[in-house]
Amino acid sequence: MDWKLEGSARETESDVPQEQEVILEDTGEDGLSDSFRLLQIDMECEHQEGETLPTGAAVWCSKNVQRKQRHWEKIVAAKKSKRKQEKERRKANRVENSGICPQHSKRFLRSLTKEKLLEAKHSGPRLCIDLSMTHHMSKKELSRLAGQIRRLYGSNKKADRPFWICLAGFATDSPLYEECLRINDGFSSYLLDITEEDCFSLFPLETLVYLTPDSEHALEDVDLNKVYILGGLVDESIQKKVTFQKAREHSVKTARLPIQEYMVRRKNGKNYHSEILAINQVFDILSTYFETQNWPEALKKGVSSRKGYVLQNSVE
């Protein structure tokens, strides 16, 4: 009897540490992150490779590791594929939108744009935006004008032969200036001239040409010796001849875009026809003509079909 009891005691004592080891291992694993647990288990499995695997918890761990590893490999492969597709998409967009080789860095492209704009200041055509008429405009009209200035500047940056732009009659404490800062990212860094002076006192009057749809004279060409003025006016009530009368008061030449010479009215349900364009649309026409020397192509770029005009050769 004594011998049997002692043998049972030995067996009981030998079993206790094994159970405690398993419990300690389980408790320790629960305190680790998932990624570290995978590494720890992988190392244990590699160490035990070639040995007879014990039953129970060790077998369960091995299957769990394999399942998690397969899942992890799928996630990594999907992320790599997504990154590759996104990289190819961005490369294709750069080639399509800019026409410049995609190997150029953003810093290089910014430097190239800056160089072209500064060159235009000395040798390019000049465009002055007359912003002296904004004091009667509503907040909504000011916001629309600020958006037009942003689009005009963006088009000029992309142009192969940009204009040098001057915002005249533009006070830095005006509501329009605050609106430009609010909705136009990087407005304070725009490469253009900003002055509170009136456009008629900035340049010799004989060099000025005020572009207005009410002029009797069609613009024939873009002259590097002239300064072209656009009236920065968004007027939902559409007061007629405001810019034309202002030009006459200062004895400045006027001109209109040759819409009537190259386009015709097209019938529409509302019987609406208008030659009044936003300043960014007028600029797109001037910029395209200066690069192509082709009025039909330039007018097609800036005059929307909603204005009720189409090119003469487009009429069925």
Protein backbone atom coordinates (compact mmCIF):
# COMPACT_ATOMS: atom_id res chain seq x y z
CA MET A 1 0.00 0.00 0.00
CA ASP A 2 2.73 2.48 0.89
CA TRP A 3 4.54 1.79 -2.37
CA LYS A 4 1.42 2.35 -4.47
CA LEU A 5 0.66 5.62 -2.70
CA GLU A 6 4.17 6.88 -3.23
CA GLY A 7 4.00 5.98 -6.94
CA SER A 8 0.69 7.81 -7.28
CA ALA A 9 2.15 10.81 -5.54
CA ARG A 10 5.10 10.87 -7.90
CA GLU A 11 2.78 10.69 -10.92
CA THR A 12 0.65 13.50 -9.51
CA GLU A 13 3.69 15.70 -8.85
CA SER A 14 5.09 15.04 -12.31
CA ASP A 15 1.79 16.03 -13.95
CA VAL A 16 1.39 19.33 -12.12
CA PRO A 17 4.36 21.20 -13.62
CA GLN A 18 3.32 20.22 -17.17
CA GLU A 19 -0.14 21.65 -16.65
CA GLN A 20 1.34 24.80 -15.09
CA GLU A 21 3.68 25.20 -18.07
CA VAL A 22 0.77 25.01 -20.50
CA ILE A 23 -1.24 27.51 -18.48
CA LEU A 24 1.71 29.91 -18.29
CA GLU A 25 2.32 29.62 -22.01
CA ASP A 26 -1.33 30.34 -22.78
CA THR A 27 -1.41 33.30 -20.41
CA GLY A 28 1.77 34.74 -21.89
CA GLU A 29 0.54 34.43 -25.47
CA ASP A 30 -2.67 36.30 -24.68
CA GLY A 31 -0.62 39.36 -23.69
CA LEU A 32 1.19 39.60 -27.04
CA SER A 33 0.05 41.32 -30.26
CA ASP A 34 -1.19 39.16 -33.12
CA SER A 35 1.86 39.80 -35.28
CA PHE A 36 4.31 38.89 -32.48
CA ARG A 37 2.31 35.76 -31.63
CA LEU A 38 2.64 34.58 -35.24
CA LEU A 39 6.41 35.09 -35.14
CA GLN A 40 6.74 33.28 -31.82
CA ILE A 41 4.70 30.31 -32.94
CA ASP A 42 6.58 30.12 -36.27
CA MET A 43 9.89 29.95 -34.39
CA GLU A 44 8.59 27.21 -32.12
CA CYS A 45 7.31 25.20 -35.07
CA GLU A 46 10.65 25.53 -36.90
CA HIS A 47 12.51 24.44 -33.77
CA GLN A 48 10.31 21.37 -33.45
CA GLU A 49 10.50 20.44 -37.17
CA GLY A 50 11.42 16.79 -37.62
CA GLU A 51 10.23 15.93 -34.12
CA THR A 52 7.00 14.19 -33.26
CA LEU A 53 4.41 16.88 -32.64
CA PRO A 54 2.52 16.52 -29.38
CA THR A 55 -1.22 16.26 -29.45
CA GLY A 56 -3.68 18.90 -28.23
CA ALA A 57 -2.71 22.58 -28.17
CA ALA A 58 0.42 22.27 -30.39
CA VAL A 59 -1.57 20.74 -33.26
CA TRP A 60 -4.22 23.49 -32.99
CA CYS A 61 -1.51 26.19 -33.07
CA SER A 62 0.05 24.79 -36.22
CA LYS A 63 -3.24 24.83 -38.16
CA ASN A 64 -4.08 28.30 -36.86
CA VAL A 65 -0.72 29.66 -38.00
CA GLN A 66 -1.20 28.25 -41.48
CA ARG A 67 -4.68 29.75 -41.76
CA LYS A 68 -3.53 33.18 -40.56
CA GLN A 69 -0.49 33.12 -42.79
CA ARG A 70 -2.58 32.34 -45.88
CA HIS A 71 -4.96 35.16 -44.96
CA TRP A 72 -2.06 37.55 -44.39
CA GLU A 73 -0.47 36.66 -47.75
CA LYS A 74 -3.75 37.38 -49.53
CA ILE A 75 -3.97 40.81 -47.88
CA VAL A 76 -0.37 41.69 -48.79
CA ALA A 77 -0.87 40.58 -52.39
CA ALA A 78 -4.08 42.63 -52.68
CA LYS A 79 -2.36 45.74 -51.30
CA LYS A 80 0.56 45.36 -53.70
CA SER A 81 -1.81 44.99 -56.63
CA LYS A 82 -3.81 48.05 -55.55
CA ARG A 83 -0.67 50.19 -55.17
CA LYS A 84 0.54 49.13 -58.60
CA GLN A 85 -2.80 50.00 -60.23
CA GLU A 86 -2.92 53.39 -58.48
CA LYS A 87 0.64 54.17 -59.59
CA GLU A 88 -0.18 53.32 -63.20
CA ARG A 89 -3.36 55.42 -63.04
CA ARG A 90 -1.49 58.49 -61.76
CA LYS A 91 1.18 58.03 -64.42
CA ALA A 92 -1.45 57.85 -67.17
CA ASN A 93 -3.20 60.97 -65.84
CA ARG A 94 0.03 62.96 -65.81
CA VAL A 95 0.76 62.02 -69.40
CA GLU A 96 -2.78 62.77 -70.56
CA ASN A 97 -3.26 66.08 -68.73
CA SER A 98 0.14 67.69 -69.02
CA GLY A 99 1.67 66.10 -72.10
CA ILE A 100 4.98 66.13 -70.24
CA CYS A 101 7.07 63.04 -69.69
CA PRO A 102 5.99 61.39 -66.43
CA GLN A 103 9.54 61.02 -65.13
CA HIS A 104 9.65 64.72 -64.21
CA SER A 105 9.11 65.40 -60.54
CA LYS A 106 6.49 67.78 -59.17
CA ARG A 107 9.26 70.11 -58.04
CA PHE A 108 10.63 70.28 -61.58
CA LEU A 109 7.17 70.96 -63.05
CA ARG A 110 6.54 73.76 -60.53
CA SER A 111 9.91 75.27 -61.37
CA LEU A 112 9.14 75.07 -65.09
CA THR A 113 5.76 76.77 -64.61
CA LYS A 114 7.32 79.52 -62.51
CA GLU A 115 9.97 80.11 -65.15
CA LYS A 116 7.37 80.43 -67.93
CA LEU A 117 5.24 82.87 -65.91
CA LEU A 118 8.19 85.08 -65.00
CA GLU A 119 9.29 85.09 -68.64
CA ALA A 120 5.80 86.25 -69.64
CA LYS A 121 6.20 89.22 -67.30
CA HIS A 122 8.99 90.57 -69.51
CA SER A 123 8.12 89.33 -72.98
CA GLY A 124 4.60 87.90 -73.01
CA PRO A 125 1.17 89.42 -73.69
CA ARG A 126 -0.37 91.38 -70.83
CA LEU A 127 -3.83 91.04 -69.37
CA CYS A 128 -5.30 93.38 -66.76
CA ILE A 129 -8.40 92.47 -64.74
CA ASP A 130 -10.31 95.60 -63.73
CA LEU A 131 -11.62 94.90 -60.21
CA SER A 132 -12.66 98.45 -59.38
CA MET A 133 -16.38 97.69 -59.84
CA THR A 134 -16.81 95.10 -57.08
CA HIS A 135 -18.13 97.41 -54.35
CA HIS A 136 -21.72 96.99 -55.58
CA MET A 137 -21.55 93.22 -55.90
CA SER A 138 -23.27 90.80 -53.54
CA LYS A 139 -21.42 88.14 -51.56
CA LYS A 140 -22.60 85.49 -54.01
CA GLU A 141 -21.33 87.51 -56.98
CA LEU A 142 -17.99 88.08 -55.24
CA SER A 143 -17.65 84.36 -54.65
CA ARG A 144 -18.34 83.62 -58.31
CA LEU A 145 -15.77 86.21 -59.39
CA ALA A 146 -13.17 84.73 -57.03
CA GLY A 147 -13.79 81.34 -58.62
CA GLN A 148 -13.35 82.81 -62.10
CA ILE A 149 -10.01 84.33 -61.05
CA ARG A 150 -8.88 80.92 -59.81
CA ARG A 151 -9.83 79.20 -63.06
CA LEU A 152 -8.22 81.95 -65.14
CA TYR A 153 -4.95 81.63 -63.24
CA GLY A 154 -5.06 77.85 -63.51
CA SER A 155 -5.49 78.02 -67.29
CA ASN A 156 -2.63 80.49 -67.55
CA LYS A 157 -0.31 78.17 -65.61
CA LYS A 158 -1.03 75.33 -68.05
CA ALA A 159 -0.56 77.47 -71.16
CA ASP A 160 2.55 76.93 -73.28
CA ARG A 161 2.71 80.70 -73.84
CA PRO A 162 1.20 82.29 -70.74
CA PHE A 163 0.09 85.90 -70.26
CA TRP A 164 1.31 88.17 -67.51
CA ILE A 165 -1.73 88.99 -65.37
CA CYS A 166 -2.39 92.09 -63.30
CA LEU A 167 -5.29 92.45 -60.86
CA ALA A 168 -5.92 96.21 -60.77
CA GLY A 169 -8.13 98.20 -58.42
CA PHE A 170 -7.75 95.33 -55.95
CA ALA A 171 -7.44 96.31 -52.29
CA THR A 172 -6.03 93.71 -49.91
CA ASP A 173 -8.63 94.64 -47.29
CA SER A 174 -11.58 94.26 -49.68
CA PRO A 175 -14.27 91.55 -49.38
CA LEU A 176 -13.17 90.12 -52.74
CA TYR A 177 -9.59 89.68 -51.54
CA GLU A 178 -10.82 87.87 -48.42
CA GLU A 179 -13.04 85.65 -50.57
CA CYS A 180 -10.10 84.82 -52.85
CA LEU A 181 -8.04 83.80 -49.83
CA ARG A 182 -10.92 81.70 -48.53
CA ILE A 183 -11.76 79.65 -51.62
CA ASN A 184 -8.52 79.76 -53.66
CA ASP A 185 -5.74 77.57 -52.23
CA GLY A 186 -2.37 79.31 -52.41
CA PHE A 187 -3.86 82.60 -53.63
CA SER A 188 -1.28 84.65 -51.73
CA SER A 189 1.45 82.86 -53.74
CA TYR A 190 -0.05 83.49 -57.20
CA LEU A 191 2.56 84.74 -59.67
CA LEU A 192 0.81 87.92 -60.81
CA ASP A 193 0.64 91.61 -59.98
CA ILE A 194 -1.87 92.91 -57.43
CA THR A 195 -2.35 96.65 -57.07
CA GLU A 196 -4.93 99.08 -55.71
CA GLU A 197 -4.22 101.44 -58.59
CA ASP A 198 -6.73 101.78 -61.39
CA CYS A 199 -5.79 100.10 -64.68
CA PHE A 200 -6.08 103.47 -66.49
CA SER A 201 -3.30 104.96 -64.38
CA LEU A 202 -1.01 101.91 -64.54
CA PHE A 203 -0.38 101.92 -68.28
CA PRO A 204 -0.26 104.51 -71.08
CA LEU A 205 -3.80 104.96 -72.38
CA GLU A 206 -2.74 104.41 -76.00
CA THR A 207 -1.63 100.85 -75.13
CA LEU A 208 -4.95 99.84 -73.56
CA VAL A 209 -7.70 97.83 -75.24
CA TYR A 210 -10.81 97.23 -73.14
CA LEU A 211 -12.53 94.00 -74.17
CA THR A 212 -16.29 94.42 -73.95
CA PRO A 213 -19.15 92.69 -75.82
CA ASP A 214 -20.69 96.12 -76.52
CA SER A 215 -17.82 97.32 -78.71
CA GLU A 216 -18.33 97.88 -82.42
CA HIS A 217 -14.83 96.66 -83.28
CA ALA A 218 -13.94 92.98 -83.47
CA LEU A 219 -10.57 91.92 -82.08
CA GLU A 220 -8.36 90.80 -84.96
CA ASP A 221 -5.13 89.80 -83.25
CA VAL A 222 -3.31 89.69 -79.91
CA ASP A 223 -0.66 92.40 -79.94
CA LEU A 224 2.30 92.11 -77.55
CA ASN A 225 2.48 95.91 -77.41
CA LYS A 226 -1.06 96.22 -76.07
CA VAL A 227 -2.53 95.65 -72.62
CA TYR A 228 -5.91 93.94 -72.75
CA ILE A 229 -8.42 94.76 -70.03
CA LEU A 230 -11.21 92.49 -68.80
CA GLY A 231 -13.92 93.90 -66.58
CA GLY A 232 -14.04 91.90 -63.35
CA LEU A 233 -17.79 92.15 -63.04
CA VAL A 234 -20.32 89.48 -62.11
CA ASP A 235 -23.73 91.10 -62.35
CA GLU A 236 -26.76 88.85 -62.10
CA SER A 237 -29.00 91.79 -63.00
CA ILE A 238 -26.96 92.23 -66.23
CA GLN A 239 -26.50 95.97 -66.44
CA LYS A 240 -25.62 96.74 -70.04
CA LYS A 241 -22.62 98.69 -71.33
CA VAL A 242 -21.01 99.22 -67.90
CA THR A 243 -17.48 98.37 -69.08
CA PHE A 244 -18.01 100.03 -72.47
CA GLN A 245 -19.00 103.35 -70.89
CA LYS A 246 -16.09 103.17 -68.48
CA ALA A 247 -13.66 102.73 -71.37
CA ARG A 248 -15.20 105.67 -73.23
CA GLU A 249 -14.88 107.89 -70.15
CA HIS A 250 -11.11 107.34 -70.27
CA SER A 251 -10.87 107.54 -74.08
CA VAL A 252 -9.60 103.97 -74.29
CA LYS A 253 -10.00 101.76 -77.35
CA THR A 254 -12.48 98.92 -77.11
CA ALA A 255 -12.84 95.59 -78.87
CA ARG A 256 -15.08 92.54 -78.71
CA LEU A 257 -14.34 88.91 -79.43
CA PRO A 258 -15.08 88.04 -83.09
CA ILE A 259 -18.04 85.82 -82.19
CA GLN A 260 -20.28 87.39 -84.84
CA GLU A 261 -17.62 86.90 -87.53
CA TYR A 262 -17.00 83.19 -86.94
CA MET A 263 -20.13 81.94 -85.20
CA VAL A 264 -23.86 81.96 -85.87
CA ARG A 265 -26.91 81.83 -83.69
CA ARG A 266 -28.43 78.44 -83.18
CA LYS A 267 -32.10 77.95 -82.45
CA ASN A 268 -32.89 76.72 -78.98
CA GLY A 269 -35.98 76.24 -76.85
CA LYS A 270 -35.44 79.41 -74.82
CA ASN A 271 -34.36 81.51 -77.83
CA TYR A 272 -31.38 82.60 -75.72
CA HIS A 273 -28.26 84.11 -77.32
CA SER A 274 -25.57 85.93 -75.37
CA GLU A 275 -22.03 87.12 -76.00
CA ILE A 276 -21.43 87.85 -72.30
CA LEU A 277 -18.74 85.49 -70.99
CA ALA A 278 -16.99 84.96 -67.67
CA ILE A 279 -13.48 86.37 -67.47
CA ASN A 280 -11.92 82.90 -67.42
CA GLN A 281 -13.84 81.98 -70.61
CA VAL A 282 -12.63 85.14 -72.37
CA PHE A 283 -9.09 84.35 -71.25
CA ASP A 284 -9.32 80.78 -72.58
CA ILE A 285 -10.23 82.22 -75.98
CA LEU A 286 -7.38 84.75 -75.94
CA SER A 287 -4.84 82.19 -74.74
CA THR A 288 -5.88 79.57 -77.31
CA TYR A 289 -5.77 82.10 -80.14
CA PHE A 290 -2.34 83.36 -79.06
CA GLU A 291 -0.99 79.80 -79.26
CA THR A 292 -2.82 78.63 -82.40
CA GLN A 293 -3.55 81.85 -84.33
CA ASN A 294 -6.92 80.27 -85.11
CA TRP A 295 -10.08 82.12 -84.10
CA PRO A 296 -12.58 79.29 -84.78
CA GLU A 297 -10.57 76.91 -82.61
CA ALA A 298 -10.21 79.53 -79.89
CA LEU A 299 -13.91 80.45 -79.88
CA LYS A 300 -14.88 76.80 -79.74
CA LYS A 301 -12.74 76.51 -76.59
CA GLY A 302 -14.43 79.34 -74.72
CA VAL A 303 -17.96 79.84 -76.05
CA SER A 304 -20.29 77.22 -74.65
CA SER A 305 -23.21 75.96 -76.75
CA ARG A 306 -25.43 77.19 -73.92
CA LYS A 307 -24.71 80.72 -75.11
CA GLY A 308 -26.69 79.94 -78.26
CA TYR A 309 -23.76 80.24 -80.68
CA VAL A 310 -22.00 77.60 -82.79
CA LEU A 311 -19.24 77.77 -85.40
CA GLN A 312 -20.47 78.51 -88.92
CA ASN A 313 -19.21 75.20 -90.30
CA SER A 314 -21.06 73.33 -87.54
CA VAL A 315 -24.50 74.29 -88.80
CA GLU A 316 -26.25 71.35 -90.41
